[in-house]
Amino acid sequence: MSEVDAIDLVQSAIFTVLVASAPAVVAAMVVGVTISLIQALTQVQEMTLTFIPKIIAILVVSAVSATFMGAHIYAMTEEVYGRIATGF
């Protein structure tokens, strides 16, 4: 395994992690900003108010996009196993 192969594998792994986690992160960010705006408008400064809606949003988005995330992780796994089988 050369340095180019290792860098390519790490780059592919990082991209897979970013793509697989993006739906949940975006959902948490949107819910957090929305609740923060509502808190600012109503002057309710409860710190724990954002946790439950964020958790619910992350669970719903993860359930909806599970096949998308699984497909990307599966493709990465196939790529790694293919490289192992061919000896990089």
PDB file of N, CA and C in Angstrom:
ATOM      1  N   MET A   1       0.850  -1.166   0.000  1.00  0.00           N
ATOM      2  CA  MET A   1       0.000   0.000   0.000  1.00  0.00           C
ATOM      3  C   MET A   1       0.899   1.234   0.000  1.00  0.00           C
ATOM      4  N   SER A   2       0.693   2.061  -0.984  1.00  0.00           N
ATOM      5  CA  SER A   2       1.491   3.281  -1.075  1.00  0.00           C
ATOM      6  C   SER A   2       0.769   4.417  -0.347  1.00  0.00           C
ATOM      7  N   GLU A   3       1.471   5.563  -0.278  1.00  0.00           N
ATOM      8  CA  GLU A   3       0.872   6.718   0.378  1.00  0.00           C
ATOM      9  C   GLU A   3      -0.348   7.220  -0.384  1.00  0.00           C
ATOM     10  N   VAL A   4      -0.309   7.113  -1.694  1.00  0.00           N
ATOM     11  CA  VAL A   4      -1.431   7.567  -2.517  1.00  0.00           C
ATOM     12  C   VAL A   4      -2.666   6.727  -2.232  1.00  0.00           C
ATOM     13  N   ASP A   5      -2.487   5.417  -2.098  1.00  0.00           N
ATOM     14  CA  ASP A   5      -3.617   4.537  -1.774  1.00  0.00           C
ATOM     15  C   ASP A   5      -4.193   4.858  -0.397  1.00  0.00           C
ATOM     16  N   ALA A   6      -3.303   5.097   0.574  1.00  0.00           N
ATOM     17  CA  ALA A   6      -3.764   5.400   1.926  1.00  0.00           C
ATOM     18  C   ALA A   6      -4.507   6.732   1.963  1.00  0.00           C
ATOM     19  N   ILE A   7      -3.989   7.732   1.281  1.00  0.00           N
ATOM     20  CA  ILE A   7      -4.651   9.039   1.250  1.00  0.00           C
ATOM     21  C   ILE A   7      -5.995   8.938   0.545  1.00  0.00           C
ATOM     22  N   ASP A   8      -6.046   8.174  -0.540  1.00  0.00           N
ATOM     23  CA  ASP A   8      -7.305   7.996  -1.258  1.00  0.00           C
ATOM     24  C   ASP A   8      -8.338   7.285  -0.391  1.00  0.00           C
ATOM     25  N   LEU A   9      -7.904   6.298   0.353  1.00  0.00           N
ATOM     26  CA  LEU A   9      -8.811   5.570   1.240  1.00  0.00           C
ATOM     27  C   LEU A   9      -9.315   6.460   2.379  1.00  0.00           C
ATOM     28  N   VAL A  10      -8.446   7.243   2.972  1.00  0.00           N
ATOM     29  CA  VAL A  10      -8.842   8.149   4.048  1.00  0.00           C
ATOM     30  C   VAL A  10      -9.781   9.230   3.512  1.00  0.00           C
ATOM     31  N   GLN A  11      -9.484   9.751   2.327  1.00  0.00           N
ATOM     32  CA  GLN A  11     -10.346  10.761   1.722  1.00  0.00           C
ATOM     33  C   GLN A  11     -11.739  10.198   1.449  1.00  0.00           C
ATOM     34  N   SER A  12     -11.792   8.989   0.956  1.00  0.00           N
ATOM     35  CA  SER A  12     -13.076   8.346   0.700  1.00  0.00           C
ATOM     36  C   SER A  12     -13.837   8.089   2.000  1.00  0.00           C
ATOM     37  N   ALA A  13     -13.133   7.705   3.056  1.00  0.00           N
ATOM     38  CA  ALA A  13     -13.774   7.456   4.347  1.00  0.00           C
ATOM     39  C   ALA A  13     -14.332   8.751   4.936  1.00  0.00           C
ATOM     40  N   ILE A  14     -13.565   9.831   4.851  1.00  0.00           N
ATOM     41  CA  ILE A  14     -14.039  11.114   5.372  1.00  0.00           C
ATOM     42  C   ILE A  14     -15.256  11.590   4.598  1.00  0.00           C
ATOM     43  N   PHE A  15     -15.231  11.447   3.284  1.00  0.00           N
ATOM     44  CA  PHE A  15     -16.370  11.842   2.465  1.00  0.00           C
ATOM     45  C   PHE A  15     -17.603  11.020   2.821  1.00  0.00           C
ATOM     46  N   THR A  16     -17.419   9.724   3.056  1.00  0.00           N
ATOM     47  CA  THR A  16     -18.538   8.857   3.426  1.00  0.00           C
ATOM     48  C   THR A  16     -19.136   9.274   4.764  1.00  0.00           C
ATOM     49  N   VAL A  17     -18.299   9.603   5.726  1.00  0.00           N
ATOM     50  CA  VAL A  17     -18.789  10.042   7.032  1.00  0.00           C
ATOM     51  C   VAL A  17     -19.557  11.358   6.896  1.00  0.00           C
ATOM     52  N   LEU A  18     -19.028  12.287   6.102  1.00  0.00           N
ATOM     53  CA  LEU A  18     -19.711  13.563   5.904  1.00  0.00           C
ATOM     54  C   LEU A  18     -21.070  13.384   5.228  1.00  0.00           C
ATOM     55  N   VAL A  19     -21.114  12.562   4.197  1.00  0.00           N
ATOM     56  CA  VAL A  19     -22.367  12.350   3.472  1.00  0.00           C
ATOM     57  C   VAL A  19     -23.376  11.591   4.337  1.00  0.00           C
ATOM     58  N   ALA A  20     -22.913  10.609   5.089  1.00  0.00           N
ATOM     59  CA  ALA A  20     -23.834   9.806   5.899  1.00  0.00           C
ATOM     60  C   ALA A  20     -24.384  10.586   7.089  1.00  0.00           C
ATOM     61  N   SER A  21     -23.596  11.511   7.630  1.00  0.00           N
ATOM     62  CA  SER A  21     -24.067  12.261   8.798  1.00  0.00           C
ATOM     63  C   SER A  21     -24.738  13.576   8.441  1.00  0.00           C
ATOM     64  N   ALA A  22     -24.664  13.986   7.195  1.00  0.00           N
ATOM     65  CA  ALA A  22     -25.207  15.290   6.791  1.00  0.00           C
ATOM     66  C   ALA A  22     -26.702  15.456   7.055  1.00  0.00           C
ATOM     67  N   PRO A  23     -27.554  14.481   6.741  1.00  0.00           N
ATOM     68  CA  PRO A  23     -28.991  14.703   6.988  1.00  0.00           C
ATOM     69  C   PRO A  23     -29.316  14.965   8.463  1.00  0.00           C
ATOM     70  N   ALA A  24     -28.714  14.226   9.369  1.00  0.00           N
ATOM     71  CA  ALA A  24     -28.992  14.411  10.792  1.00  0.00           C
ATOM     72  C   ALA A  24     -28.438  15.739  11.292  1.00  0.00           C
ATOM     73  N   VAL A  25     -27.257  16.110  10.830  1.00  0.00           N
ATOM     74  CA  VAL A  25     -26.651  17.370  11.258  1.00  0.00           C
ATOM     75  C   VAL A  25     -27.458  18.559  10.749  1.00  0.00           C
ATOM     76  N   VAL A  26     -27.895  18.497   9.501  1.00  0.00           N
ATOM     77  CA  VAL A  26     -28.688  19.593   8.935  1.00  0.00           C
ATOM     78  C   VAL A  26     -30.022  19.716   9.666  1.00  0.00           C
ATOM     79  N   ALA A  27     -30.651  18.595   9.966  1.00  0.00           N
ATOM     80  CA  ALA A  27     -31.927  18.637  10.690  1.00  0.00           C
ATOM     81  C   ALA A  27     -31.749  19.244  12.077  1.00  0.00           C
ATOM     82  N   ALA A  28     -30.694  18.846  12.779  1.00  0.00           N
ATOM     83  CA  ALA A  28     -30.439  19.404  14.112  1.00  0.00           C
ATOM     84  C   ALA A  28     -30.143  20.894  14.035  1.00  0.00           C
ATOM     85  N   MET A  29     -29.428  21.302  13.013  1.00  0.00           N
ATOM     86  CA  MET A  29     -29.108  22.709  12.868  1.00  0.00           C
ATOM     87  C   MET A  29     -30.351  23.544  12.579  1.00  0.00           C
ATOM     88  N   VAL A  30     -31.206  23.050  11.692  1.00  0.00           N
ATOM     89  CA  VAL A  30     -32.428  23.782  11.345  1.00  0.00           C
ATOM     90  C   VAL A  30     -33.349  23.889  12.561  1.00  0.00           C
ATOM     91  N   VAL A  31     -33.527  22.802  13.273  1.00  0.00           N
ATOM     92  CA  VAL A  31     -34.391  22.825  14.465  1.00  0.00           C
ATOM     93  C   VAL A  31     -33.790  23.734  15.535  1.00  0.00           C
ATOM     94  N   GLY A  32     -32.491  23.676  15.721  1.00  0.00           N
ATOM     95  CA  GLY A  32     -31.844  24.523  16.723  1.00  0.00           C
ATOM     96  C   GLY A  32     -31.970  25.999  16.413  1.00  0.00           C
ATOM     97  N   VAL A  33     -31.765  26.371  15.159  1.00  0.00           N
ATOM     98  CA  VAL A  33     -31.895  27.783  14.778  1.00  0.00           C
ATOM     99  C   VAL A  33     -33.341  28.244  14.909  1.00  0.00           C
ATOM    100  N   THR A  34     -34.277  27.391  14.501  1.00  0.00           N
ATOM    101  CA  THR A  34     -35.698  27.755  14.602  1.00  0.00           C
ATOM    102  C   THR A  34     -36.109  27.970  16.052  1.00  0.00           C
ATOM    103  N   ILE A  35     -35.719  27.071  16.921  1.00  0.00           N
ATOM    104  CA  ILE A  35     -36.091  27.212  18.331  1.00  0.00           C
ATOM    105  C   ILE A  35     -35.364  28.395  18.967  1.00  0.00           C
ATOM    106  N   SER A  36     -34.146  28.651  18.550  1.00  0.00           N
ATOM    107  CA  SER A  36     -33.427  29.819  19.066  1.00  0.00           C
ATOM    108  C   SER A  36     -34.117  31.112  18.662  1.00  0.00           C
ATOM    109  N   LEU A  37     -34.603  31.170  17.435  1.00  0.00           N
ATOM    110  CA  LEU A  37     -35.338  32.352  17.004  1.00  0.00           C
ATOM    111  C   LEU A  37     -36.633  32.523  17.791  1.00  0.00           C
ATOM    112  N   ILE A  38     -37.332  31.432  18.011  1.00  0.00           N
ATOM    113  CA  ILE A  38     -38.568  31.493  18.800  1.00  0.00           C
ATOM    114  C   ILE A  38     -38.265  31.939  20.226  1.00  0.00           C
ATOM    115  N   GLN A  39     -37.178  31.434  20.804  1.00  0.00           N
ATOM    116  CA  GLN A  39     -36.796  31.842  22.150  1.00  0.00           C
ATOM    117  C   GLN A  39     -36.438  33.324  22.193  1.00  0.00           C
ATOM    118  N   ALA A  40     -35.754  33.802  21.153  1.00  0.00           N
ATOM    119  CA  ALA A  40     -35.386  35.215  21.123  1.00  0.00           C
ATOM    120  C   ALA A  40     -36.612  36.101  20.964  1.00  0.00           C
ATOM    121  N   LEU A  41     -37.582  35.648  20.182  1.00  0.00           N
ATOM    122  CA  LEU A  41     -38.782  36.450  19.975  1.00  0.00           C
ATOM    123  C   LEU A  41     -39.691  36.481  21.203  1.00  0.00           C
ATOM    124  N   THR A  42     -39.766  35.364  21.907  1.00  0.00           N
ATOM    125  CA  THR A  42     -40.648  35.296  23.071  1.00  0.00           C
ATOM    126  C   THR A  42     -39.918  35.567  24.386  1.00  0.00           C
ATOM    127  N   GLN A  43     -38.633  35.736  24.346  1.00  0.00           N
ATOM    128  CA  GLN A  43     -37.776  35.976  25.505  1.00  0.00           C
ATOM    129  C   GLN A  43     -37.867  34.870  26.548  1.00  0.00           C
ATOM    130  N   VAL A  44     -38.085  33.664  26.073  1.00  0.00           N
ATOM    131  CA  VAL A  44     -38.029  32.486  26.946  1.00  0.00           C
ATOM    132  C   VAL A  44     -36.618  31.934  26.820  1.00  0.00           C
ATOM    133  N   GLN A  45     -35.831  32.030  27.865  1.00  0.00           N
ATOM    134  CA  GLN A  45     -34.423  31.649  27.804  1.00  0.00           C
ATOM    135  C   GLN A  45     -34.169  30.344  28.562  1.00  0.00           C
ATOM    136  N   GLU A  46     -34.905  29.333  28.225  1.00  0.00           N
ATOM    137  CA  GLU A  46     -34.723  28.020  28.840  1.00  0.00           C
ATOM    138  C   GLU A  46     -33.693  27.250  28.023  1.00  0.00           C
ATOM    139  N   MET A  47     -32.585  26.861  28.641  1.00  0.00           N
ATOM    140  CA  MET A  47     -31.480  26.215  27.927  1.00  0.00           C
ATOM    141  C   MET A  47     -31.826  24.797  27.468  1.00  0.00           C
ATOM    142  N   THR A  48     -32.666  24.104  28.211  1.00  0.00           N
ATOM    143  CA  THR A  48     -32.964  22.705  27.896  1.00  0.00           C
ATOM    144  C   THR A  48     -34.101  22.545  26.896  1.00  0.00           C
ATOM    145  N   LEU A  49     -34.675  23.638  26.440  1.00  0.00           N
ATOM    146  CA  LEU A  49     -35.829  23.575  25.553  1.00  0.00           C
ATOM    147  C   LEU A  49     -35.493  22.997  24.176  1.00  0.00           C
ATOM    148  N   THR A  50     -34.256  23.111  23.731  1.00  0.00           N
ATOM    149  CA  THR A  50     -33.908  22.677  22.381  1.00  0.00           C
ATOM    150  C   THR A  50     -33.597  21.187  22.288  1.00  0.00           C
ATOM    151  N   PHE A  51     -33.326  20.523  23.385  1.00  0.00           N
ATOM    152  CA  PHE A  51     -32.851  19.147  23.318  1.00  0.00           C
ATOM    153  C   PHE A  51     -33.889  18.169  22.766  1.00  0.00           C
ATOM    154  N   ILE A  52     -35.087  18.179  23.299  1.00  0.00           N
ATOM    155  CA  ILE A  52     -36.103  17.207  22.885  1.00  0.00           C
ATOM    156  C   ILE A  52     -36.494  17.381  21.417  1.00  0.00           C
ATOM    157  N   PRO A  53     -36.771  18.600  20.932  1.00  0.00           N
ATOM    158  CA  PRO A  53     -37.082  18.721  19.500  1.00  0.00           C
ATOM    159  C   PRO A  53     -35.922  18.299  18.590  1.00  0.00           C
ATOM    160  N   LYS A  54     -34.695  18.590  19.014  1.00  0.00           N
ATOM    161  CA  LYS A  54     -33.543  18.166  18.215  1.00  0.00           C
ATOM    162  C   LYS A  54     -33.447  16.648  18.163  1.00  0.00           C
ATOM    163  N   ILE A  55     -33.633  16.002  19.287  1.00  0.00           N
ATOM    164  CA  ILE A  55     -33.553  14.539  19.329  1.00  0.00           C
ATOM    165  C   ILE A  55     -34.644  13.925  18.461  1.00  0.00           C
ATOM    166  N   ILE A  56     -35.838  14.460  18.555  1.00  0.00           N
ATOM    167  CA  ILE A  56     -36.937  13.940  17.737  1.00  0.00           C
ATOM    168  C   ILE A  56     -36.655  14.153  16.257  1.00  0.00           C
ATOM    169  N   ALA A  57     -36.162  15.342  15.900  1.00  0.00           N
ATOM    170  CA  ALA A  57     -35.851  15.625  14.493  1.00  0.00           C
ATOM    171  C   ALA A  57     -34.747  14.715  13.976  1.00  0.00           C
ATOM    172  N   ILE A  58     -33.729  14.486  14.775  1.00  0.00           N
ATOM    173  CA  ILE A  58     -32.632  13.606  14.355  1.00  0.00           C
ATOM    174  C   ILE A  58     -33.130  12.176  14.175  1.00  0.00           C
ATOM    175  N   LEU A  59     -33.977  11.689  15.087  1.00  0.00           N
ATOM    176  CA  LEU A  59     -34.510  10.334  14.959  1.00  0.00           C
ATOM    177  C   LEU A  59     -35.381  10.188  13.715  1.00  0.00           C
ATOM    178  N   VAL A  60     -36.224  11.183  13.447  1.00  0.00           N
ATOM    179  CA  VAL A  60     -37.097  11.113  12.271  1.00  0.00           C
ATOM    180  C   VAL A  60     -36.276  11.158  10.990  1.00  0.00           C
ATOM    181  N   VAL A  61     -35.323  12.080  10.919  1.00  0.00           N
ATOM    182  CA  VAL A  61     -34.497  12.194   9.713  1.00  0.00           C
ATOM    183  C   VAL A  61     -33.631  10.948   9.530  1.00  0.00           C
ATOM    184  N   SER A  62     -33.122  10.408  10.615  1.00  0.00           N
ATOM    185  CA  SER A  62     -32.323   9.183  10.508  1.00  0.00           C
ATOM    186  C   SER A  62     -33.166   8.007  10.031  1.00  0.00           C
ATOM    187  N   ALA A  63     -34.406   7.923  10.490  1.00  0.00           N
ATOM    188  CA  ALA A  63     -35.288   6.844  10.042  1.00  0.00           C
ATOM    189  C   ALA A  63     -35.641   6.993   8.574  1.00  0.00           C
ATOM    190  N   VAL A  64     -35.862   8.230   8.140  1.00  0.00           N
ATOM    191  CA  VAL A  64     -36.229   8.470   6.741  1.00  0.00           C
ATOM    192  C   VAL A  64     -35.046   8.246   5.801  1.00  0.00           C
ATOM    193  N   SER A  65     -33.863   8.676   6.223  1.00  0.00           N
ATOM    194  CA  SER A  65     -32.701   8.596   5.332  1.00  0.00           C
ATOM    195  C   SER A  65     -31.779   7.421   5.649  1.00  0.00           C
ATOM    196  N   ALA A  66     -32.282   6.429   6.347  1.00  0.00           N
ATOM    197  CA  ALA A  66     -31.444   5.280   6.719  1.00  0.00           C
ATOM    198  C   ALA A  66     -30.956   4.504   5.502  1.00  0.00           C
ATOM    199  N   THR A  67     -31.796   4.347   4.499  1.00  0.00           N
ATOM    200  CA  THR A  67     -31.356   3.609   3.308  1.00  0.00           C
ATOM    201  C   THR A  67     -30.288   4.383   2.551  1.00  0.00           C
ATOM    202  N   PHE A  68     -30.412   5.707   2.520  1.00  0.00           N
ATOM    203  CA  PHE A  68     -29.405   6.552   1.870  1.00  0.00           C
ATOM    204  C   PHE A  68     -28.060   6.426   2.585  1.00  0.00           C
ATOM    205  N   MET A  69     -28.081   6.525   3.911  1.00  0.00           N
ATOM    206  CA  MET A  69     -26.847   6.426   4.684  1.00  0.00           C
ATOM    207  C   MET A  69     -26.255   5.018   4.581  1.00  0.00           C
ATOM    208  N   GLY A  70     -27.116   4.013   4.660  1.00  0.00           N
ATOM    209  CA  GLY A  70     -26.640   2.644   4.550  1.00  0.00           C
ATOM    210  C   GLY A  70     -26.036   2.332   3.204  1.00  0.00           C
ATOM    211  N   ALA A  71     -26.598   2.905   2.146  1.00  0.00           N
ATOM    212  CA  ALA A  71     -26.050   2.678   0.808  1.00  0.00           C
ATOM    213  C   ALA A  71     -24.661   3.269   0.670  1.00  0.00           C
ATOM    214  N   HIS A  72     -24.444   4.445   1.238  1.00  0.00           N
ATOM    215  CA  HIS A  72     -23.116   5.056   1.160  1.00  0.00           C
ATOM    216  C   HIS A  72     -22.093   4.279   1.987  1.00  0.00           C
ATOM    217  N   ILE A  73     -22.503   3.838   3.159  1.00  0.00           N
ATOM    218  CA  ILE A  73     -21.588   3.060   3.996  1.00  0.00           C
ATOM    219  C   ILE A  73     -21.293   1.713   3.345  1.00  0.00           C
ATOM    220  N   TYR A  74     -22.306   1.108   2.741  1.00  0.00           N
ATOM    221  CA  TYR A  74     -22.111  -0.163   2.052  1.00  0.00           C
ATOM    222  C   TYR A  74     -21.172   0.000   0.858  1.00  0.00           C
ATOM    223  N   ALA A  75     -21.320   1.083   0.103  1.00  0.00           N
ATOM    224  CA  ALA A  75     -20.433   1.324  -1.040  1.00  0.00           C
ATOM    225  C   ALA A  75     -18.994   1.509  -0.578  1.00  0.00           C
ATOM    226  N   MET A  76     -18.806   2.198   0.525  1.00  0.00           N
ATOM    227  CA  MET A  76     -17.452   2.379   1.067  1.00  0.00           C
ATOM    228  C   MET A  76     -16.872   1.048   1.521  1.00  0.00           C
ATOM    229  N   THR A  77     -17.687   0.237   2.162  1.00  0.00           N
ATOM    230  CA  THR A  77     -17.226  -1.083   2.603  1.00  0.00           C
ATOM    231  C   THR A  77     -16.843  -1.953   1.419  1.00  0.00           C
ATOM    232  N   GLU A  78     -17.653  -1.949   0.371  1.00  0.00           N
ATOM    233  CA  GLU A  78     -17.324  -2.715  -0.835  1.00  0.00           C
ATOM    234  C   GLU A  78     -16.018  -2.226  -1.465  1.00  0.00           C
ATOM    235  N   GLU A  79     -15.812  -0.922  -1.458  1.00  0.00           N
ATOM    236  CA  GLU A  79     -14.568  -0.376  -2.015  1.00  0.00           C
ATOM    237  C   GLU A  79     -13.351  -0.834  -1.216  1.00  0.00           C
ATOM    238  N   VAL A  80     -13.476  -0.803   0.100  1.00  0.00           N
ATOM    239  CA  VAL A  80     -12.351  -1.226   0.945  1.00  0.00           C
ATOM    240  C   VAL A  80     -12.089  -2.718   0.770  1.00  0.00           C
ATOM    241  N   TYR A  81     -13.145  -3.527   0.785  1.00  0.00           N
ATOM    242  CA  TYR A  81     -12.957  -4.970   0.602  1.00  0.00           C
ATOM    243  C   TYR A  81     -12.430  -5.292  -0.790  1.00  0.00           C
ATOM    244  N   GLY A  82     -12.847  -4.533  -1.780  1.00  0.00           N
ATOM    245  CA  GLY A  82     -12.324  -4.736  -3.139  1.00  0.00           C
ATOM    246  C   GLY A  82     -10.841  -4.427  -3.208  1.00  0.00           C
ATOM    247  N   ARG A  83     -10.417  -3.389  -2.511  1.00  0.00           N
ATOM    248  CA  ARG A  83      -8.991  -3.061  -2.491  1.00  0.00           C
ATOM    249  C   ARG A  83      -8.180  -4.110  -1.724  1.00  0.00           C
ATOM    250  N   ILE A  84      -8.774  -4.635  -0.653  1.00  0.00           N
ATOM    251  CA  ILE A  84      -8.079  -5.689   0.092  1.00  0.00           C
ATOM    252  C   ILE A  84      -7.940  -6.937  -0.779  1.00  0.00           C
ATOM    253  N   ALA A  85      -8.993  -7.276  -1.504  1.00  0.00           N
ATOM    254  CA  ALA A  85      -8.973  -8.475  -2.350  1.00  0.00           C
ATOM    255  C   ALA A  85      -7.943  -8.367  -3.483  1.00  0.00           C
ATOM    256  N   THR A  86      -7.789  -7.174  -4.023  1.00  0.00           N
ATOM    257  CA  THR A  86      -6.826  -7.001  -5.122  1.00  0.00           C
ATOM    258  C   THR A  86      -5.441  -6.646  -4.625  1.00  0.00           C
ATOM    259  N   GLY A  87      -5.276  -6.469  -3.349  1.00  0.00           N
ATOM    260  CA  GLY A  87      -3.961  -6.152  -2.805  1.00  0.00           C
ATOM    261  C   GLY A  87      -3.590  -4.694  -2.977  1.00  0.00           C
ATOM    262  N   PHE A  88      -4.588  -3.838  -3.008  1.00  0.00           N
ATOM    263  CA  PHE A  88      -4.422  -2.396  -3.170  1.00  0.00           C
ATOM    264  C   PHE A  88      -3.790  -2.187  -4.506  1.00  0.00           C
TER     265      PHE A  88
END
